[in-house]
C-alpha atoms as a PDB file:
ATOM      1  CA  UNK A   1      -7.468   7.961 -11.329  1.00  0.00           C
ATOM      2  CA  UNK A   2      -7.286   9.857  -8.040  1.00  0.00           C
ATOM      3  CA  UNK A   3      -4.499  11.779  -6.356  1.00  0.00           C
ATOM      4  CA  UNK A   4      -3.880  11.935  -2.640  1.00  0.00           C
ATOM      5  CA  UNK A   5      -1.938  14.619  -0.803  1.00  0.00           C
ATOM      6  CA  UNK A   6      -1.243  14.061   2.869  1.00  0.00           C
ATOM      7  CA  UNK A   7       0.130  16.406   5.504  1.00  0.00           C
ATOM      8  CA  UNK A   8      -0.587  18.177   8.740  1.00  0.00           C
ATOM      9  CA  UNK A   9      -2.161  21.144   6.900  1.00  0.00           C
ATOM     10  CA  UNK A  10      -1.370  23.268   9.946  1.00  0.00           C
ATOM     11  CA  UNK A  11      -2.576  25.452   8.267  1.00  0.00           C
ATOM     12  CA  UNK A  12      -3.382  24.549   4.661  1.00  0.00           C
ATOM     13  CA  UNK A  13      -1.806  27.191   2.401  1.00  0.00           C
ATOM     14  CA  UNK A  14      -1.564  28.232  -1.224  1.00  0.00           C
ATOM     15  CA  UNK A  15       1.576  26.178  -1.740  1.00  0.00           C
ATOM     16  CA  UNK A  16      -0.430  23.031  -1.040  1.00  0.00           C
ATOM     17  CA  UNK A  17      -3.398  24.076  -3.131  1.00  0.00           C
ATOM     18  CA  UNK A  18      -1.738  25.488  -6.234  1.00  0.00           C
ATOM     19  CA  UNK A  19       0.660  22.591  -6.704  1.00  0.00           C
ATOM     20  CA  UNK A  20      -2.108  20.053  -6.137  1.00  0.00           C
ATOM     21  CA  UNK A  21      -4.167  21.819  -8.801  1.00  0.00           C
ATOM     22  CA  UNK A  22      -1.256  21.698 -11.251  1.00  0.00           C
ATOM     23  CA  UNK A  23      -0.685  17.979 -10.676  1.00  0.00           C
ATOM     24  CA  UNK A  24      -4.405  17.293 -11.052  1.00  0.00           C
ATOM     25  CA  UNK A  25      -4.453  19.047 -14.426  1.00  0.00           C
ATOM     26  CA  UNK A  26      -1.163  17.583 -15.716  1.00  0.00           C
ATOM     27  CA  UNK A  27      -2.143  13.992 -14.908  1.00  0.00           C
ATOM     28  CA  UNK A  28      -5.857  14.339 -15.766  1.00  0.00           C
ATOM     29  CA  UNK A  29      -6.836  13.147 -12.289  1.00  0.00           C
ATOM     30  CA  UNK A  30     -10.517  12.717 -11.499  1.00  0.00           C
ATOM     31  CA  UNK A  31      -9.998  14.188  -8.036  1.00  0.00           C
ATOM     32  CA  UNK A  32      -7.407  15.043  -5.416  1.00  0.00           C
ATOM     33  CA  UNK A  33      -8.072  13.943  -1.850  1.00  0.00           C
ATOM     34  CA  UNK A  34      -6.435  16.057   0.860  1.00  0.00           C
ATOM     35  CA  UNK A  35      -5.697  13.796   3.836  1.00  0.00           C
ATOM     36  CA  UNK A  36      -4.815  15.515   7.135  1.00  0.00           C
ATOM     37  CA  UNK A  37      -2.807  13.275   9.431  1.00  0.00           C
ATOM     38  CA  UNK A  38      -3.711  12.746  13.071  1.00  0.00           C
ATOM     39  CA  UNK A  39      -0.273  11.921  14.436  1.00  0.00           C
ATOM     40  CA  UNK A  40       2.656  12.555  12.042  1.00  0.00           C
ATOM     41  CA  UNK A  41       5.467  10.010  12.535  1.00  0.00           C
ATOM     42  CA  UNK A  42       8.332  12.398  11.627  1.00  0.00           C
ATOM     43  CA  UNK A  43       7.334  15.796  13.014  1.00  0.00           C
ATOM     44  CA  UNK A  44       5.697  17.422  16.052  1.00  0.00           C
ATOM     45  CA  UNK A  45       1.982  17.073  16.650  1.00  0.00           C
ATOM     46  CA  UNK A  46      -0.019  19.814  14.875  1.00  0.00           C
ATOM     47  CA  UNK A  47      -0.899  22.927  16.865  1.00  0.00           C
ATOM     48  CA  UNK A  48      -4.404  23.218  15.431  1.00  0.00           C
ATOM     49  CA  UNK A  49      -6.875  20.508  16.400  1.00  0.00           C
ATOM     50  CA  UNK A  50      -8.130  17.919  13.938  1.00  0.00           C
ATOM     51  CA  UNK A  51     -11.502  19.686  13.775  1.00  0.00           C
ATOM     52  CA  UNK A  52      -9.875  23.053  13.105  1.00  0.00           C
ATOM     53  CA  UNK A  53      -7.641  21.662  10.355  1.00  0.00           C
ATOM     54  CA  UNK A  54     -10.572  19.933   8.652  1.00  0.00           C
ATOM     55  CA  UNK A  55     -12.589  23.127   8.837  1.00  0.00           C
ATOM     56  CA  UNK A  56      -9.740  25.094   7.231  1.00  0.00           C
ATOM     57  CA  UNK A  57      -9.335  22.496   4.488  1.00  0.00           C
ATOM     58  CA  UNK A  58     -13.045  22.503   3.681  1.00  0.00           C
ATOM     59  CA  UNK A  59     -13.029  26.289   3.540  1.00  0.00           C
ATOM     60  CA  UNK A  60      -9.975  26.288   1.271  1.00  0.00           C
ATOM     61  CA  UNK A  61     -11.467  23.963  -1.346  1.00  0.00           C
ATOM     62  CA  UNK A  62     -15.030  25.274  -1.282  1.00  0.00           C
ATOM     63  CA  UNK A  63     -16.191  25.878  -4.846  1.00  0.00           C
ATOM     64  CA  UNK A  64     -13.298  23.935  -6.393  1.00  0.00           C
ATOM     65  CA  UNK A  65     -14.594  20.804  -8.086  1.00  0.00           C
ATOM     66  CA  UNK A  66     -12.421  17.726  -7.896  1.00  0.00           C
ATOM     67  CA  UNK A  67     -10.994  18.404  -4.426  1.00  0.00           C
ATOM     68  CA  UNK A  68     -12.099  16.340  -1.415  1.00  0.00           C
ATOM     69  CA  UNK A  69     -11.127  16.368   2.263  1.00  0.00           C
ATOM     70  CA  UNK A  70     -10.547  12.785   3.421  1.00  0.00           C
ATOM     71  CA  UNK A  71     -10.571  12.276   7.206  1.00  0.00           C
ATOM     72  CA  UNK A  72      -9.570   8.604   7.378  1.00  0.00           C
ATOM     73  CA  UNK A  73      -6.243   9.213   9.168  1.00  0.00           C
ATOM     74  CA  UNK A  74      -7.957  11.315  11.827  1.00  0.00           C
ATOM     75  CA  UNK A  75     -10.260   8.386  12.602  1.00  0.00           C
ATOM     76  CA  UNK A  76      -7.430   5.861  12.968  1.00  0.00           C
ATOM     77  CA  UNK A  77      -5.502   5.276  16.182  1.00  0.00           C
ATOM     78  CA  UNK A  78      -1.719   5.369  16.359  1.00  0.00           C
ATOM     79  CA  UNK A  79       0.805   7.085  14.070  1.00  0.00           C
ATOM     80  CA  UNK A  80      -0.536   8.142  10.666  1.00  0.00           C
ATOM     81  CA  UNK A  81       1.482   5.791   8.478  1.00  0.00           C
ATOM     82  CA  UNK A  82       0.916   6.387   4.774  1.00  0.00           C
ATOM     83  CA  UNK A  83       1.129   2.669   4.040  1.00  0.00           C
ATOM     84  CA  UNK A  84      -1.972   2.031   6.173  1.00  0.00           C
ATOM     85  CA  UNK A  85      -3.770   4.842   4.367  1.00  0.00           C
ATOM     86  CA  UNK A  86      -2.869   3.423   0.963  1.00  0.00           C
ATOM     87  CA  UNK A  87      -4.087  -0.050   1.930  1.00  0.00           C
ATOM     88  CA  UNK A  88      -7.412   1.504   2.932  1.00  0.00           C
ATOM     89  CA  UNK A  89      -7.663   3.548  -0.269  1.00  0.00           C
ATOM     90  CA  UNK A  90      -6.754   0.579  -2.447  1.00  0.00           C
ATOM     91  CA  UNK A  91      -9.712  -1.344  -1.001  1.00  0.00           C
ATOM     92  CA  UNK A  92     -12.081   1.586  -1.536  1.00  0.00           C
ATOM     93  CA  UNK A  93     -10.887   2.457  -5.040  1.00  0.00           C
ATOM     94  CA  UNK A  94     -10.113  -1.034  -6.300  1.00  0.00           C
ATOM     95  CA  UNK A  95     -10.970  -0.184  -9.892  1.00  0.00           C
ATOM     96  CA  UNK A  96      -9.034   3.106 -10.044  1.00  0.00           C
ATOM     97  CA  UNK A  97      -5.413   4.123 -10.008  1.00  0.00           C
ATOM     98  CA  UNK A  98      -4.221   5.954  -6.886  1.00  0.00           C
ATOM     99  CA  UNK A  99      -1.400   8.509  -7.085  1.00  0.00           C
ATOM    100  CA  UNK A 100       0.447   9.524  -3.933  1.00  0.00           C
ATOM    101  CA  UNK A 101       1.593  13.136  -4.378  1.00  0.00           C
ATOM    102  CA  UNK A 102       4.695  14.187  -2.411  1.00  0.00           C
ATOM    103  CA  UNK A 103       7.137  17.071  -2.461  1.00  0.00           C
ATOM    104  CA  UNK A 104      10.821  16.600  -3.225  1.00  0.00           C
ATOM    105  CA  UNK A 105      11.849  17.158   0.406  1.00  0.00           C
ATOM    106  CA  UNK A 106       9.499  14.414   1.552  1.00  0.00           C
ATOM    107  CA  UNK A 107      10.729  12.140  -1.219  1.00  0.00           C
ATOM    108  CA  UNK A 108      14.353  12.621  -0.171  1.00  0.00           C
ATOM    109  CA  UNK A 109      13.371  11.278   3.260  1.00  0.00           C
ATOM    110  CA  UNK A 110      11.366   8.380   1.863  1.00  0.00           C
ATOM    111  CA  UNK A 111      13.724   5.730   3.226  1.00  0.00           C
ATOM    112  CA  UNK A 112      12.710   6.766   6.763  1.00  0.00           C
ATOM    113  CA  UNK A 113       9.018   6.086   6.092  1.00  0.00           C
ATOM    114  CA  UNK A 114       7.290   3.061   7.592  1.00  0.00           C
ATOM    115  CA  UNK A 115       7.719   0.074   5.205  1.00  0.00           C
ATOM    116  CA  UNK A 116       8.494   2.470   2.379  1.00  0.00           C
ATOM    117  CA  UNK A 117       9.464  -0.196  -0.123  1.00  0.00           C
ATOM    118  CA  UNK A 118       5.866  -1.476  -0.072  1.00  0.00           C
ATOM    119  CA  UNK A 119       4.223   1.844  -0.962  1.00  0.00           C
ATOM    120  CA  UNK A 120       4.198   1.286  -4.715  1.00  0.00           C
ATOM    121  CA  UNK A 121       2.356  -2.004  -4.228  1.00  0.00           C
ATOM    122  CA  UNK A 122      -0.699   0.188  -3.609  1.00  0.00           C
ATOM    123  CA  UNK A 123      -0.183   3.335  -5.682  1.00  0.00           C
ATOM    124  CA  UNK A 124       1.830   5.337  -8.151  1.00  0.00           C
ATOM    125  CA  UNK A 125       4.026   8.063  -6.680  1.00  0.00           C
ATOM    126  CA  UNK A 126       4.139  11.600  -8.066  1.00  0.00           C
ATOM    127  CA  UNK A 127       7.059  13.720  -6.876  1.00  0.00           C
ATOM    128  CA  UNK A 128       6.552  17.461  -7.314  1.00  0.00           C
ATOM    129  CA  UNK A 129       9.742  19.131  -8.519  1.00  0.00           C
ATOM    130  CA  UNK A 130      11.023  22.610  -9.311  1.00  0.00           C
ATOM    131  CA  UNK A 131      13.016  23.439 -12.464  1.00  0.00           C
ATOM    132  CA  UNK A 132      16.383  23.315 -10.668  1.00  0.00           C
ATOM    133  CA  UNK A 133      15.670  20.303  -8.452  1.00  0.00           C
ATOM    134  CA  UNK A 134      18.365  17.647  -8.274  1.00  0.00           C
ATOM    135  CA  UNK A 135      16.957  14.131  -8.517  1.00  0.00           C
ATOM    136  CA  UNK A 136      18.820  11.564  -6.385  1.00  0.00           C
ATOM    137  CA  UNK A 137      21.027   9.262  -8.426  1.00  0.00           C
ATOM    138  CA  UNK A 138      22.748   7.099  -5.824  1.00  0.00           C
ATOM    139  CA  UNK A 139      21.929   4.979  -2.814  1.00  0.00           C
ATOM    140  CA  UNK A 140      18.568   3.425  -2.017  1.00  0.00           C
ATOM    141  CA  UNK A 141      16.615   6.250  -3.620  1.00  0.00           C
ATOM    142  CA  UNK A 142      18.669   6.118  -6.798  1.00  0.00           C
ATOM    143  CA  UNK A 143      17.932   2.401  -7.122  1.00  0.00           C
ATOM    144  CA  UNK A 144      14.258   2.994  -6.351  1.00  0.00           C
ATOM    145  CA  UNK A 145      14.044   5.641  -9.081  1.00  0.00           C
ATOM    146  CA  UNK A 146      15.728   3.491 -11.704  1.00  0.00           C
ATOM    147  CA  UNK A 147      13.392   0.614 -10.935  1.00  0.00           C
ATOM    148  CA  UNK A 148      10.098   2.519 -11.018  1.00  0.00           C
ATOM    149  CA  UNK A 149      10.483   5.816 -12.910  1.00  0.00           C
ATOM    150  CA  UNK A 150       8.475   6.689 -16.005  1.00  0.00           C
ATOM    151  CA  UNK A 151       8.625   9.936 -17.975  1.00  0.00           C
ATOM    152  CA  UNK A 152       5.200   9.990 -19.614  1.00  0.00           C
ATOM    153  CA  UNK A 153       2.203  10.558 -17.339  1.00  0.00           C
ATOM    154  CA  UNK A 154      -0.071   8.721 -19.771  1.00  0.00           C
ATOM    155  CA  UNK A 155       1.527   5.446 -18.699  1.00  0.00           C
ATOM    156  CA  UNK A 156       0.063   5.916 -15.209  1.00  0.00           C
ATOM    157  CA  UNK A 157      -3.423   5.353 -16.609  1.00  0.00           C
ATOM    158  CA  UNK A 158      -2.439   1.980 -18.055  1.00  0.00           C
ATOM    159  CA  UNK A 159      -1.767   0.209 -14.734  1.00  0.00           C
ATOM    160  CA  UNK A 160      -2.998   0.720 -11.185  1.00  0.00           C
ATOM    161  CA  UNK A 161       0.231   0.782  -9.166  1.00  0.00           C
ATOM    162  CA  UNK A 162       4.015   0.623  -9.208  1.00  0.00           C
ATOM    163  CA  UNK A 163       5.228   3.684 -11.118  1.00  0.00           C
ATOM    164  CA  UNK A 164       7.134   6.850 -10.163  1.00  0.00           C
ATOM    165  CA  UNK A 165       6.839  10.171 -11.990  1.00  0.00           C
ATOM    166  CA  UNK A 166       8.583  13.484 -11.387  1.00  0.00           C
ATOM    167  CA  UNK A 167       6.154  16.311 -12.178  1.00  0.00           C
ATOM    168  CA  UNK A 168       7.316  19.910 -12.403  1.00  0.00           C
ATOM    169  CA  UNK A 169       5.166  22.467 -10.549  1.00  0.00           C
ATOM    170  CA  UNK A 170       5.366  26.192  -9.846  1.00  0.00           C
ATOM    171  CA  UNK A 171       7.962  27.368  -7.362  1.00  0.00           C
ATOM    172  CA  UNK A 172       6.003  28.558  -4.327  1.00  0.00           C
ATOM    173  CA  UNK A 173       8.245  28.974  -1.302  1.00  0.00           C
ATOM    174  CA  UNK A 174       5.473  28.847   1.303  1.00  0.00           C
ATOM    175  CA  UNK A 175       5.642  26.781   4.463  1.00  0.00           C
ATOM    176  CA  UNK A 176       3.393  26.188   7.439  1.00  0.00           C
ATOM    177  CA  UNK A 177       6.311  26.974   9.760  1.00  0.00           C
ATOM    178  CA  UNK A 178       6.754  30.430   8.217  1.00  0.00           C
ATOM    179  CA  UNK A 179       3.022  31.143   8.390  1.00  0.00           C
ATOM    180  CA  UNK A 180       2.812  30.076  12.040  1.00  0.00           C
ATOM    181  CA  UNK A 181       5.838  32.234  12.857  1.00  0.00           C
ATOM    182  CA  UNK A 182       4.212  35.264  11.232  1.00  0.00           C
ATOM    183  CA  UNK A 183       0.955  34.738  13.086  1.00  0.00           C
ATOM    184  CA  UNK A 184       2.690  34.099  16.401  1.00  0.00           C
ATOM    185  CA  UNK A 185       4.479  37.410  15.933  1.00  0.00           C
ATOM    186  CA  UNK A 186       1.226  39.223  15.225  1.00  0.00           C
ATOM    187  CA  UNK A 187       2.021  39.724  11.531  1.00  0.00           C
ATOM    188  CA  UNK A 188      -0.277  39.404   8.530  1.00  0.00           C
ATOM    189  CA  UNK A 189      -0.424  36.090   6.605  1.00  0.00           C
ATOM    190  CA  UNK A 190      -2.572  37.438   3.784  1.00  0.00           C
ATOM    191  CA  UNK A 191      -1.793  36.027   0.299  1.00  0.00           C
ATOM    192  CA  UNK A 192      -0.136  32.956   1.857  1.00  0.00           C
ATOM    193  CA  UNK A 193      -3.376  31.202   2.791  1.00  0.00           C
ATOM    194  CA  UNK A 194      -6.848  31.558   1.269  1.00  0.00           C
ATOM    195  CA  UNK A 195      -8.894  34.403   2.747  1.00  0.00           C
ATOM    196  CA  UNK A 196     -11.450  31.883   4.022  1.00  0.00           C
ATOM    197  CA  UNK A 197      -8.705  30.058   5.936  1.00  0.00           C
ATOM    198  CA  UNK A 198      -7.276  33.280   7.348  1.00  0.00           C
ATOM    199  CA  UNK A 199     -10.761  34.189   8.592  1.00  0.00           C
ATOM    200  CA  UNK A 200     -10.945  30.917  10.543  1.00  0.00           C
ATOM    201  CA  UNK A 201      -7.444  31.428  11.953  1.00  0.00           C
ATOM    202  CA  UNK A 202      -8.399  34.892  13.191  1.00  0.00           C
ATOM    203  CA  UNK A 203     -11.770  33.761  14.511  1.00  0.00           C
ATOM    204  CA  UNK A 204     -10.236  30.861  16.450  1.00  0.00           C
ATOM    205  CA  UNK A 205      -7.144  32.762  17.578  1.00  0.00           C
ATOM    206  CA  UNK A 206      -4.932  30.038  16.121  1.00  0.00           C
ATOM    207  CA  UNK A 207      -1.126  30.155  16.316  1.00  0.00           C
ATOM    208  CA  UNK A 208      -1.008  33.071  18.752  1.00  0.00           C
ATOM    209  CA  UNK A 209       0.220  30.961  21.680  1.00  0.00           C
ATOM    210  CA  UNK A 210       3.919  31.644  21.189  1.00  0.00           C
ATOM    211  CA  UNK A 211       4.512  28.085  19.932  1.00  0.00           C
ATOM    212  CA  UNK A 212       5.586  27.606  16.302  1.00  0.00           C
ATOM    213  CA  UNK A 213       6.687  23.973  15.791  1.00  0.00           C
ATOM    214  CA  UNK A 214       9.357  23.513  13.155  1.00  0.00           C
END
């Protein structure tokens, strides 16, 4: 069973990496594929180029077995809809389960995603939560949770698609917006991103243009 974690990764940071590692271990995933998007449907275009973001991702996971950078969204025209990515992955990994890993904030906005009700036709969904997170109980999301939720991760290995699991991870309040703001202001982002990623940021002069992007 594989996990996939999408995002702009602008830049990739320790919040992405640590929580992905925890989910990988908790669910006994064979690998986690980090999928940088080309054109995010719900947020501004990334400041770093596709090549720069891929380079940072590869540097971040170097030496860590079971992590892969997957460039399929960068090679596809148009908005980077997760449904299209899942259809592609389902064809490639027909004999394996696929787990879409999302944060709670992203999950709360799930109803705004392109054809969101079809996502679980192609994957399981893993929602990363913190100890004090409130899980939606009403509305479309409440119904979605009641229909698909399981509480035991072992069940995910028994079928290929269709299930929803809330998985607790460490609280790491790190965001790309905060990192870009620090760097734009000439401040130090050490201990928020891997040293190898910070070296690329400094070498390329990334995020020093005065633009932040929220």
